[in-house]
Structures are given as structure tokens and as C-alpha cells.
C-alpha atoms as a PDB file:
ATOM      1  CA  PRO A   1     113.842 118.723  37.192  1.00  0.00           C
ATOM      2  CA  CYS A   2     117.048 117.753  38.960  1.00  0.00           C
ATOM      3  CA  HIS A   3     117.968 117.974  42.602  1.00  0.00           C
ATOM      4  CA  PRO A   4     120.676 120.687  42.805  1.00  0.00           C
ATOM      5  CA  VAL A   5     124.399 119.986  42.947  1.00  0.00           C
ATOM      6  CA  VAL A   6     125.506 119.176  46.487  1.00  0.00           C
ATOM      7  CA  ARG A   7     129.182 118.418  47.063  1.00  0.00           C
ATOM      8  CA  GLY A   8     130.355 116.199  49.887  1.00  0.00           C
ATOM      9  CA  ASN A   9     133.535 115.263  51.714  1.00  0.00           C
ATOM     10  CA  LYS A  10     134.086 111.567  50.930  1.00  0.00           C
ATOM     11  CA  ALA A  11     136.569 110.859  53.753  1.00  0.00           C
ATOM     12  CA  LEU A  12     134.504 112.630  56.406  1.00  0.00           C
ATOM     13  CA  VAL A  13     131.209 111.009  55.394  1.00  0.00           C
ATOM     14  CA  ARG A  14     132.783 107.539  55.090  1.00  0.00           C
ATOM     15  CA  LYS A  15     133.908 107.858  58.704  1.00  0.00           C
ATOM     16  CA  LYS A  16     130.450 109.053  59.788  1.00  0.00           C
ATOM     17  CA  LEU A  17     128.717 106.125  58.035  1.00  0.00           C
ATOM     18  CA  SER A  18     131.357 103.566  59.134  1.00  0.00           C
ATOM     19  CA  ILE A  19     132.407 102.774  55.562  1.00  0.00           C
ATOM     20  CA  SER A  20     136.011 101.795  54.801  1.00  0.00           C
ATOM     21  CA  LYS A  21     138.079 104.570  53.265  1.00  0.00           C
ATOM     22  CA  GLU A  22     140.340 102.027  51.518  1.00  0.00           C
ATOM     23  CA  LYS A  23     137.700 100.185  49.521  1.00  0.00           C
ATOM     24  CA  ILE A  24     136.020 101.023  46.242  1.00  0.00           C
ATOM     25  CA  ILE A  25     132.372 101.600  47.098  1.00  0.00           C
ATOM     26  CA  LEU A  26     129.498 100.804  44.753  1.00  0.00           C
ATOM     27  CA  PHE A  27     126.096 102.006  45.942  1.00  0.00           C
ATOM     28  CA  SER A  28     122.412 101.395  45.215  1.00  0.00           C
ATOM     29  CA  PHE A  29     119.259 102.303  47.082  1.00  0.00           C
ATOM     30  CA  GLY A  30     115.540 101.795  46.776  1.00  0.00           C
ATOM     31  CA  ARG A  31     112.990  99.012  46.734  1.00  0.00           C
ATOM     32  CA  GLN A  32     113.601  97.510  43.312  1.00  0.00           C
ATOM     33  CA  PRO A  33     112.758  93.837  42.896  1.00  0.00           C
ATOM     34  CA  LEU A  34     115.693  91.725  44.049  1.00  0.00           C
ATOM     35  CA  LYS A  35     116.126  90.205  40.570  1.00  0.00           C
ATOM     36  CA  GLU A  36     117.173  93.638  39.263  1.00  0.00           C
ATOM     37  CA  TYR A  37     120.362  93.410  41.365  1.00  0.00           C
ATOM     38  CA  LYS A  38     121.453  90.092  39.809  1.00  0.00           C
ATOM     39  CA  ASP A  39     123.922  91.497  37.262  1.00  0.00           C
ATOM     40  CA  TYR A  40     125.390  93.920  39.800  1.00  0.00           C
ATOM     41  CA  LEU A  41     125.994  91.152  42.325  1.00  0.00           C
ATOM     42  CA  LYS A  42     127.592  88.884  39.711  1.00  0.00           C
ATOM     43  CA  VAL A  43     129.899  91.649  38.462  1.00  0.00           C
ATOM     44  CA  VAL A  44     130.956  92.635  41.991  1.00  0.00           C
ATOM     45  CA  GLU A  45     131.655  88.954  42.680  1.00  0.00           C
ATOM     46  CA  GLU A  46     133.982  88.976  39.640  1.00  0.00           C
ATOM     47  CA  LEU A  47     135.638  92.284  40.566  1.00  0.00           C
ATOM     48  CA  LYS A  48     136.318  91.474  44.223  1.00  0.00           C
ATOM     49  CA  GLY A  49     139.285  89.304  43.216  1.00  0.00           C
ATOM     50  CA  GLU A  50     140.959  92.261  41.488  1.00  0.00           C
ATOM     51  CA  TYR A  51     139.836  95.192  43.648  1.00  0.00           C
ATOM     52  CA  GLU A  52     139.123  95.976  47.289  1.00  0.00           C
ATOM     53  CA  ILE A  53     135.423  96.503  46.686  1.00  0.00           C
ATOM     54  CA  LYS A  54     132.245  96.803  48.739  1.00  0.00           C
ATOM     55  CA  TYR A  55     128.686  97.060  47.415  1.00  0.00           C
ATOM     56  CA  VAL A  56     126.482  99.079  49.764  1.00  0.00           C
ATOM     57  CA  ILE A  57     122.728  98.727  49.252  1.00  0.00           C
ATOM     58  CA  LEU A  58     120.296 100.883  51.198  1.00  0.00           C
ATOM     59  CA  ARG A  59     116.761  99.462  51.317  1.00  0.00           C
ATOM     60  CA  SER A  60     113.638 100.296  53.243  1.00  0.00           C
ATOM     61  CA  ASP A  61     112.316  96.729  53.227  1.00  0.00           C
ATOM     62  CA  HIS A  62     113.629  93.444  54.588  1.00  0.00           C
ATOM     63  CA  LYS A  63     113.163  91.112  51.632  1.00  0.00           C
ATOM     64  CA  TRP A  64     116.739  89.759  51.587  1.00  0.00           C
ATOM     65  CA  ASN A  65     117.781  86.889  53.791  1.00  0.00           C
ATOM     66  CA  GLN A  66     120.699  88.496  55.597  1.00  0.00           C
ATOM     67  CA  LYS A  67     122.247  85.122  56.471  1.00  0.00           C
ATOM     68  CA  GLU A  68     122.875  84.421  52.778  1.00  0.00           C
ATOM     69  CA  LEU A  69     124.546  87.715  51.854  1.00  0.00           C
ATOM     70  CA  PRO A  70     127.971  87.644  50.191  1.00  0.00           C
ATOM     71  CA  LYS A  71     130.794  89.217  52.224  1.00  0.00           C
ATOM     72  CA  PHE A  72     131.258  92.050  49.712  1.00  0.00           C
ATOM     73  CA  LEU A  73     127.663  93.217  50.275  1.00  0.00           C
ATOM     74  CA  ASP A  74     126.825  95.765  52.965  1.00  0.00           C
ATOM     75  CA  LEU A  75     123.017  95.753  53.184  1.00  0.00           C
ATOM     76  CA  ARG A  76     121.593  98.590  55.274  1.00  0.00           C
ATOM     77  CA  MET A  77     117.925  98.913  56.162  1.00  0.00           C
ATOM     78  CA  GLU A  78     116.665 102.466  56.322  1.00  0.00           C
ATOM     79  CA  ALA A  79     114.032 104.663  54.690  1.00  0.00           C
ATOM     80  CA  ALA A  80     116.480 107.508  54.222  1.00  0.00           C
ATOM     81  CA  PRO A  81     115.606 111.107  53.311  1.00  0.00           C
ATOM     82  CA  THR A  82     117.339 112.692  50.315  1.00  0.00           C
ATOM     83  CA  GLU A  83     120.024 114.306  52.490  1.00  0.00           C
ATOM     84  CA  LYS A  84     121.060 110.909  53.880  1.00  0.00           C
ATOM     85  CA  ILE A  85     120.970 109.327  50.410  1.00  0.00           C
ATOM     86  CA  TYR A  86     123.321 112.085  49.266  1.00  0.00           C
ATOM     87  CA  GLU A  87     125.702 111.195  52.111  1.00  0.00           C
ATOM     88  CA  TYR A  88     125.801 107.627  50.799  1.00  0.00           C
ATOM     89  CA  LEU A  89     126.288 108.911  47.258  1.00  0.00           C
ATOM     90  CA  HIS A  90     129.200 111.049  48.441  1.00  0.00           C
ATOM     91  CA  VAL A  91     130.986 108.015  49.916  1.00  0.00           C
ATOM     92  CA  ALA A  92     130.399 105.976  46.752  1.00  0.00           C
ATOM     93  CA  ASP A  93     132.753 105.693  43.807  1.00  0.00           C
ATOM     94  CA  VAL A  94     129.945 104.497  41.513  1.00  0.00           C
ATOM     95  CA  HIS A  95     126.138 104.620  41.848  1.00  0.00           C
ATOM     96  CA  LEU A  96     124.379 101.619  40.292  1.00  0.00           C
ATOM     97  CA  ILE A  97     120.679 102.053  39.479  1.00  0.00           C
ATOM     98  CA  PRO A  98     118.888  98.750  38.859  1.00  0.00           C
ATOM     99  CA  LYS A  99     116.010  98.861  36.351  1.00  0.00           C
ATOM    100  CA  SER A 100     114.344  96.199  34.231  1.00  0.00           C
ATOM    101  CA  PRO A 101     113.514  96.891  30.583  1.00  0.00           C
ATOM    102  CA  THR A 102     110.042  98.229  29.824  1.00  0.00           C
ATOM    103  CA  ASP A 103     108.024  99.265  26.790  1.00  0.00           C
ATOM    104  CA  SER A 104     106.249 101.981  28.772  1.00  0.00           C
ATOM    105  CA  VAL A 105     107.033 105.685  28.596  1.00  0.00           C
ATOM    106  CA  VAL A 106     109.065 106.219  31.766  1.00  0.00           C
ATOM    107  CA  VAL A 107     111.851 108.265  33.314  1.00  0.00           C
ATOM    108  CA  SER A 108     114.047 107.424  36.263  1.00  0.00           C
ATOM    109  CA  SER A 109     113.258 109.832  39.069  1.00  0.00           C
ATOM    110  CA  THR A 110     116.213 108.268  40.900  1.00  0.00           C
ATOM    111  CA  ALA A 111     118.644 109.455  38.226  1.00  0.00           C
ATOM    112  CA  PHE A 112     117.285 113.015  38.290  1.00  0.00           C
ATOM    113  CA  GLN A 113     117.270 112.994  42.096  1.00  0.00           C
ATOM    114  CA  CYS A 114     120.877 111.774  42.294  1.00  0.00           C
ATOM    115  CA  LEU A 115     122.767 113.435  39.420  1.00  0.00           C
ATOM    116  CA  GLY A 116     123.464 116.426  41.671  1.00  0.00           C
ATOM    117  CA  ALA A 117     125.570 114.331  44.064  1.00  0.00           C
ATOM    118  CA  LEU A 118     128.178 114.155  41.290  1.00  0.00           C
ATOM    119  CA  THR A 119     128.810 110.455  41.783  1.00  0.00           C
ATOM    120  CA  PRO A 120     129.068 108.591  38.461  1.00  0.00           C
ATOM    121  CA  ILE A 121     125.860 106.704  37.692  1.00  0.00           C
ATOM    122  CA  VAL A 122     125.862 103.386  35.809  1.00  0.00           C
ATOM    123  CA  VAL A 123     122.539 102.130  34.449  1.00  0.00           C
ATOM    124  CA  PRO A 124     121.116  99.497  32.122  1.00  0.00           C
ATOM    125  CA  ASN A 125     120.299 100.861  28.680  1.00  0.00           C
ATOM    126  CA  THR A 126     116.523 100.996  29.220  1.00  0.00           C
ATOM    127  CA  LYS A 127     113.817 103.537  28.355  1.00  0.00           C
ATOM    128  CA  HIS A 128     114.119 104.962  31.890  1.00  0.00           C
ATOM    129  CA  PHE A 129     117.332 106.732  30.860  1.00  0.00           C
ATOM    130  CA  GLU A 130     116.789 107.633  27.203  1.00  0.00           C
ATOM    131  CA  LEU A 131     116.799 111.385  27.992  1.00  0.00           C
ATOM    132  CA  LEU A 132     120.325 111.130  29.391  1.00  0.00           C
ATOM    133  CA  GLU A 133     123.483 110.646  27.350  1.00  0.00           C
ATOM    134  CA  LYS A 134     126.965 111.602  28.561  1.00  0.00           C
ATOM    135  CA  GLU A 135     125.689 112.406  32.067  1.00  0.00           C
ATOM    136  CA  ILE A 136     125.499 108.713  32.975  1.00  0.00           C
ATOM    137  CA  VAL A 137     127.118 105.499  31.757  1.00  0.00           C
ATOM    138  CA  LYS A 138     124.807 102.959  30.111  1.00  0.00           C
ATOM    139  CA  TYR A 139     125.454  99.267  29.530  1.00  0.00           C
ATOM    140  CA  ASN A 140     123.706  96.606  27.443  1.00  0.00           C
ATOM    141  CA  ASN A 141     125.048  93.435  29.057  1.00  0.00           C
ATOM    142  CA  ARG A 142     127.078  92.185  32.004  1.00  0.00           C
ATOM    143  CA  LYS A 143     130.390  92.505  30.120  1.00  0.00           C
ATOM    144  CA  GLU A 144     129.703  96.198  29.390  1.00  0.00           C
ATOM    145  CA  LEU A 145     128.625  96.726  33.013  1.00  0.00           C
ATOM    146  CA  LYS A 146     131.935  95.357  34.284  1.00  0.00           C
ATOM    147  CA  GLU A 147     133.880  97.442  31.750  1.00  0.00           C
ATOM    148  CA  ALA A 148     131.974 100.600  32.753  1.00  0.00           C
ATOM    149  CA  ILE A 149     132.716 100.129  36.453  1.00  0.00           C
ATOM    150  CA  ILE A 150     136.405  99.435  35.799  1.00  0.00           C
ATOM    151  CA  LYS A 151     136.687 102.444  33.473  1.00  0.00           C
ATOM    152  CA  LEU A 152     135.124 104.747  36.075  1.00  0.00           C
ATOM    153  CA  ILE A 153     137.519 103.402  38.712  1.00  0.00           C
ATOM    154  CA  LEU A 154     140.712 103.576  36.630  1.00  0.00           C
ATOM    155  CA  ASP A 155     140.194 106.310  34.004  1.00  0.00           C
ATOM    156  CA  GLU A 156     140.143 109.653  35.812  1.00  0.00           C
ATOM    157  CA  ASP A 157     139.585 111.619  32.561  1.00  0.00           C
ATOM    158  CA  PHE A 158     136.536 109.518  31.674  1.00  0.00           C
ATOM    159  CA  ARG A 159     135.196 109.924  35.212  1.00  0.00           C
ATOM    160  CA  LYS A 160     135.678 113.710  35.055  1.00  0.00           C
ATOM    161  CA  ASP A 161     133.941 113.905  31.660  1.00  0.00           C
ATOM    162  CA  VAL A 162     130.910 112.022  33.002  1.00  0.00           C
ATOM    163  CA  LEU A 163     130.737 114.205  36.124  1.00  0.00           C
ATOM    164  CA  ASN A 164     131.202 117.453  34.169  1.00  0.00           C
ATOM    165  CA  SER A 165     128.356 116.420  31.857  1.00  0.00           C
ATOM    166  CA  ALA A 166     126.204 115.532  34.873  1.00  0.00           C
ATOM    167  CA  GLU A 167     126.866 118.876  36.553  1.00  0.00           C
ATOM    168  CA  LYS A 168     126.063 120.790  33.368  1.00  0.00           C
ATOM    169  CA  TYR A 169     122.824 118.806  32.938  1.00  0.00           C
ATOM    170  CA  VAL A 170     121.800 119.414  36.559  1.00  0.00           C
ATOM    171  CA  ASN A 171     122.466 123.146  36.271  1.00  0.00           C
ATOM    172  CA  ASN A 172     120.528 123.381  32.987  1.00  0.00           C
ATOM    173  CA  ASN A 173     117.607 121.365  34.377  1.00  0.00           C
ATOM    174  CA  SER A 174     117.376 122.698  37.909  1.00  0.00           C
ATOM    175  CA  SER A 175     113.968 122.971  39.517  1.00  0.00           C
ATOM    176  CA  GLU A 176     114.318 126.769  39.360  1.00  0.00           C
ATOM    177  CA  LYS A 177     114.934 126.743  35.590  1.00  0.00           C
ATOM    178  CA  VAL A 178     112.112 124.276  34.980  1.00  0.00           C
ATOM    179  CA  ALA A 179     109.770 126.418  37.114  1.00  0.00           C
ATOM    180  CA  GLU A 180     110.768 129.520  35.118  1.00  0.00           C
ATOM    181  CA  LEU A 181     109.916 127.712  31.870  1.00  0.00           C
ATOM    182  CA  PHE A 182     106.475 126.791  33.207  1.00  0.00           C
ATOM    183  CA  ILE A 183     105.854 130.347  34.421  1.00  0.00           C
ATOM    184  CA  LYS A 184     106.825 131.679  30.989  1.00  0.00           C
ATOM    185  CA  LEU A 185     104.574 129.103  29.324  1.00  0.00           C
ATOM    186  CA  PHE A 186     101.595 130.075  31.497  1.00  0.00           C
ATOM    187  CA  ARG A 187     102.204 133.779  30.874  1.00  0.00           C
ATOM    188  CA  ASP A 188     102.311 133.168  27.124  1.00  0.00           C
ATOM    189  CA  ILE A 189      98.952 131.363  27.171  1.00  0.00           C
END
């Protein structure tokens, strides 16, 4: 099931979290292995020459050497509850979810947790996201990743289509609807 749709005020929350209102904000959170951020960091490095861009990463561990961080990276250390994560999602222009390929049967709980923030999500085309189609933007390589971010920044119609699909998916797969399906299933048994 999906966390419900929660709308936020980008300008107000950016001020609260001390995040520039002029910059394009990319956001990730979690404790993924650092290597999973490699493509994101390289693409942001390429984009920073063309766009006022900041990549905000929220982590609950301290595995990165903060002295070696690029200037475009805003690394924040906090084990944030869902409400706080949603505040960060509401300030972001794009949510990047790092995941390595796997042959296992998996889903991304992060995607289902975050779709309801209605911030476009960009993900690698891995098994974690095979249940999602138009609700997120998938890429196969670094070139496609860069193109996806640029398209979400510049193409308002594309952005709206992704967010409309995400909202529809969240509403159709809410915890209430999933619970109703289970109740019906148990009653039918």
C-alpha cells in the first residue's frame, strides 16, 4: 500500500529547512550503500554548469567524509520520521531513489512510501520498480538519467503527467483500499 497523498507548500518548507528557493533541488534519503549514489553525483556535477542545482541527501549514518563533499551536495544527518521526509520531498523538484540491480523478487518500499508527496521520482530500471510504470521515471544509464532530470525540470506537461499518474496510483493503492481487499478476501474464505 501507498502512504496517502500529502500536499506541501514548497516555499514555506524551503524556508523552514533553510533550503534555497532559487535552486533546483534534487533529493534522496536512506542508508543505501554509497556506491549507489555514484551516477547521481556524476550527473549533478554535469548539470551544475547549466542549472542552479543542489542535491540534498538525508542519511541516518555518518559514512561520508564530509570534508570531501562537492559544493553542490547538502548532506544532512538525521533519522527522520515520515512527516519530516515528506517536508524534504515537498521542497524537492526531483526525488532520486538509488538502488542496485538485483535478481531477487523485491519492491521499493521507499517508492510506495513517497509517491504520495507528489514529487517526481526518478529511479534506475531495476526489479524494485517493475510494478510502477508512468508513476515514476525510470532510466537505464547515466545519459537517460540526465535526460530524465532535465525533462522533469523543463517540461511542465511531462512533469504533470508523471504526478497525475502517481496521484492516481496512490489513490487506487491506498492502505484503506488494500485493507478492504484483504477483508473481502478473508470473508470470502
